[in-house]
C-alpha atoms as a PDB file:
ATOM      1  CA  MET A   1       0.148   0.001  -0.016  1.00  0.00           C
ATOM      2  CA  PHE A   2       2.743   2.372   0.688  1.00  0.00           C
ATOM      3  CA  LYS A   3       4.257   3.908  -2.296  1.00  0.00           C
ATOM      4  CA  ASN A   4       6.381   6.439  -0.352  1.00  0.00           C
ATOM      5  CA  THR A   5       9.105   4.945   2.081  1.00  0.00           C
ATOM      6  CA  LYS A   6       8.869   7.980   4.196  1.00  0.00           C
ATOM      7  CA  ILE A   7       5.060   7.331   5.095  1.00  0.00           C
ATOM      8  CA  LYS A   8       5.843   3.740   5.504  1.00  0.00           C
ATOM      9  CA  GLY A   9       8.700   4.608   8.024  1.00  0.00           C
ATOM     10  CA  ALA A  10       6.304   7.128   9.741  1.00  0.00           C
ATOM     11  CA  VAL A  11       3.649   4.309  10.088  1.00  0.00           C
ATOM     12  CA  PHE A  12       6.263   1.962  11.532  1.00  0.00           C
ATOM     13  CA  LYS A  13       7.555   4.700  13.942  1.00  0.00           C
ATOM     14  CA  ALA A  14       4.135   5.785  15.131  1.00  0.00           C
ATOM     15  CA  ALA A  15       3.205   1.983  15.862  1.00  0.00           C
ATOM     16  CA  SER A  16       6.453   1.672  17.823  1.00  0.00           C
ATOM     17  CA  ILE A  17       5.818   5.015  19.833  1.00  0.00           C
ATOM     18  CA  PHE A  18       2.414   4.182  20.734  1.00  0.00           C
ATOM     19  CA  GLY A  19       2.794   0.449  21.064  1.00  0.00           C
ATOM     20  CA  ILE A  20      -0.033  -0.697  18.595  1.00  0.00           C
ATOM     21  CA  PRO A  21       0.160  -3.070  15.691  1.00  0.00           C
ATOM     22  CA  VAL A  22       1.202  -1.379  12.355  1.00  0.00           C
ATOM     23  CA  ASN A  23      -1.982  -2.602  10.862  1.00  0.00           C
ATOM     24  CA  GLN A  24      -3.780  -0.189  13.198  1.00  0.00           C
ATOM     25  CA  VAL A  25      -1.997   2.880  12.095  1.00  0.00           C
ATOM     26  CA  HIS A  26      -3.699   4.655   9.223  1.00  0.00           C
ATOM     27  CA  PRO A  27      -1.961   7.527   7.714  1.00  0.00           C
ATOM     28  CA  VAL A  28      -4.606  10.174   6.301  1.00  0.00           C
ATOM     29  CA  LYS A  29      -3.683  12.917   3.921  1.00  0.00           C
ATOM     30  CA  CYS A  30      -4.576  16.436   5.419  1.00  0.00           C
ATOM     31  CA  TYR A  31      -7.071  18.178   3.099  1.00  0.00           C
ATOM     32  CA  GLN A  32      -6.388  21.955   4.364  1.00  0.00           C
ATOM     33  CA  GLU A  33      -4.595  22.997   1.123  1.00  0.00           C
ATOM     34  CA  GLU A  34      -6.477  20.769  -1.319  1.00  0.00           C
ATOM     35  CA  MET A  35      -8.746  22.276  -4.094  1.00  0.00           C
ATOM     36  CA  VAL A  36      -9.394  19.036  -6.009  1.00  0.00           C
ATOM     37  CA  LEU A  37      -9.962  15.837  -4.251  1.00  0.00           C
ATOM     38  CA  ASN A  38      -8.670  12.593  -5.249  1.00  0.00           C
ATOM     39  CA  GLU A  39     -11.043   9.697  -4.881  1.00  0.00           C
ATOM     40  CA  SER A  40      -8.378   6.983  -4.234  1.00  0.00           C
ATOM     41  CA  VAL A  41      -7.162   9.036  -1.281  1.00  0.00           C
ATOM     42  CA  ASP A  42     -10.721   9.603  -0.103  1.00  0.00           C
ATOM     43  CA  ILE A  43     -11.314   5.913   0.038  1.00  0.00           C
ATOM     44  CA  LEU A  44      -8.372   5.448   2.187  1.00  0.00           C
ATOM     45  CA  ALA A  45      -9.670   8.145   4.690  1.00  0.00           C
ATOM     46  CA  LEU A  46     -13.120   6.513   4.717  1.00  0.00           C
ATOM     47  CA  LEU A  47     -11.551   3.104   5.447  1.00  0.00           C
ATOM     48  CA  ALA A  48      -9.536   4.653   8.298  1.00  0.00           C
ATOM     49  CA  LEU A  49     -12.694   6.284   9.655  1.00  0.00           C
ATOM     50  CA  ARG A  50     -14.745   3.173   9.423  1.00  0.00           C
ATOM     51  CA  GLN A  51     -12.040   1.250  11.286  1.00  0.00           C
ATOM     52  CA  MET A  52     -11.875   3.794  14.046  1.00  0.00           C
ATOM     53  CA  LEU A  53     -15.738   3.655  14.462  1.00  0.00           C
ATOM     54  CA  HIS A  54     -15.411  -0.281  14.693  1.00  0.00           C
ATOM     55  CA  TRP A  55     -12.759  -0.030  17.364  1.00  0.00           C
ATOM     56  CA  ALA A  56     -14.925   2.617  19.228  1.00  0.00           C
ATOM     57  CA  GLU A  57     -17.966   0.349  19.188  1.00  0.00           C
ATOM     58  CA  ASP A  58     -15.818  -2.640  20.422  1.00  0.00           C
ATOM     59  CA  HIS A  59     -14.370  -0.496  23.151  1.00  0.00           C
ATOM     60  CA  LEU A  60     -18.031   0.492  24.235  1.00  0.00           C
ATOM     61  CA  ASP A  61     -19.054  -3.106  24.157  1.00  0.00           C
ATOM     62  CA  ASN A  62     -16.224  -4.304  26.291  1.00  0.00           C
ATOM     63  CA  ALA A  63     -17.000  -1.372  28.588  1.00  0.00           C
ATOM     64  CA  GLN A  64     -20.490  -2.426  28.987  1.00  0.00           C
ATOM     65  CA  MET A  65     -19.588  -5.991  29.631  1.00  0.00           C
ATOM     66  CA  ARG A  66     -17.068  -5.033  32.424  1.00  0.00           C
ATOM     67  CA  GLU A  67     -19.591  -2.850  34.034  1.00  0.00           C
ATOM     68  CA  ALA A  68     -22.279  -5.429  33.909  1.00  0.00           C
ATOM     69  CA  VAL A  69     -19.953  -8.156  35.374  1.00  0.00           C
ATOM     70  CA  SER A  70     -19.091  -5.607  38.045  1.00  0.00           C
ATOM     71  CA  VAL A  71     -22.750  -5.107  39.036  1.00  0.00           C
ATOM     72  CA  MET A  72     -23.225  -9.046  38.963  1.00  0.00           C
ATOM     73  CA  ARG A  73     -20.356  -9.420  41.382  1.00  0.00           C
ATOM     74  CA  LEU A  74     -21.717  -6.832  43.711  1.00  0.00           C
ATOM     75  CA  ARG A  75     -25.034  -8.486  43.626  1.00  0.00           C
ATOM     76  CA  GLY A  76     -23.369 -11.551  44.682  1.00  0.00           C
ATOM     77  CA  THR A  77     -24.051 -13.629  41.483  1.00  0.00           C
ATOM     78  CA  ASP A  78     -21.503 -14.440  38.828  1.00  0.00           C
ATOM     79  CA  ASP A  79     -23.736 -15.128  35.862  1.00  0.00           C
ATOM     80  CA  VAL A  80     -21.447 -13.653  33.329  1.00  0.00           C
ATOM     81  CA  GLN A  81     -22.657 -16.427  30.618  1.00  0.00           C
ATOM     82  CA  GLY A  82     -26.275 -14.881  30.989  1.00  0.00           C
ATOM     83  CA  ILE A  83     -24.967 -11.533  30.340  1.00  0.00           C
ATOM     84  CA  ARG A  84     -23.251 -12.540  27.226  1.00  0.00           C
ATOM     85  CA  ALA A  85     -26.294 -14.491  26.015  1.00  0.00           C
ATOM     86  CA  ARG A  86     -28.701 -11.378  26.582  1.00  0.00           C
ATOM     87  CA  ASP A  87     -25.918  -9.310  24.838  1.00  0.00           C
ATOM     88  CA  ASP A  88     -25.774 -11.522  21.856  1.00  0.00           C
ATOM     89  CA  GLU A  89     -29.608 -11.471  21.640  1.00  0.00           C
ATOM     90  CA  THR A  90     -29.616  -7.769  21.695  1.00  0.00           C
ATOM     91  CA  SER A  91     -26.949  -7.441  18.998  1.00  0.00           C
ATOM     92  CA  SER A  92     -28.737  -9.922  16.804  1.00  0.00           C
ATOM     93  CA  GLU A  93     -31.960  -7.777  17.184  1.00  0.00           C
ATOM     94  CA  ALA A  94     -30.174  -4.608  16.244  1.00  0.00           C
ATOM     95  CA  ILE A  95     -29.018  -6.402  12.645  1.00  0.00           C
END
């Protein structure tokens, strides 16, 4: 995907600094100076945005699960499987 070795190097450096996998670093072009847009660049920006939204959704789902488990433990029950089953039903209804 990288045609420019400087961008490839920057991606590897960012991954190293932040401690995340290289495939989770999405370089995006800044449109501040652009007058005419390039569709191939737009696609990459949209793909990066979509991936960020998926990660955010996963994070919120995990946080909700952790909170539910904490509540169950406070109540003295440990029905984590029941919570997961209800979450699966809810997510399938949303589709």
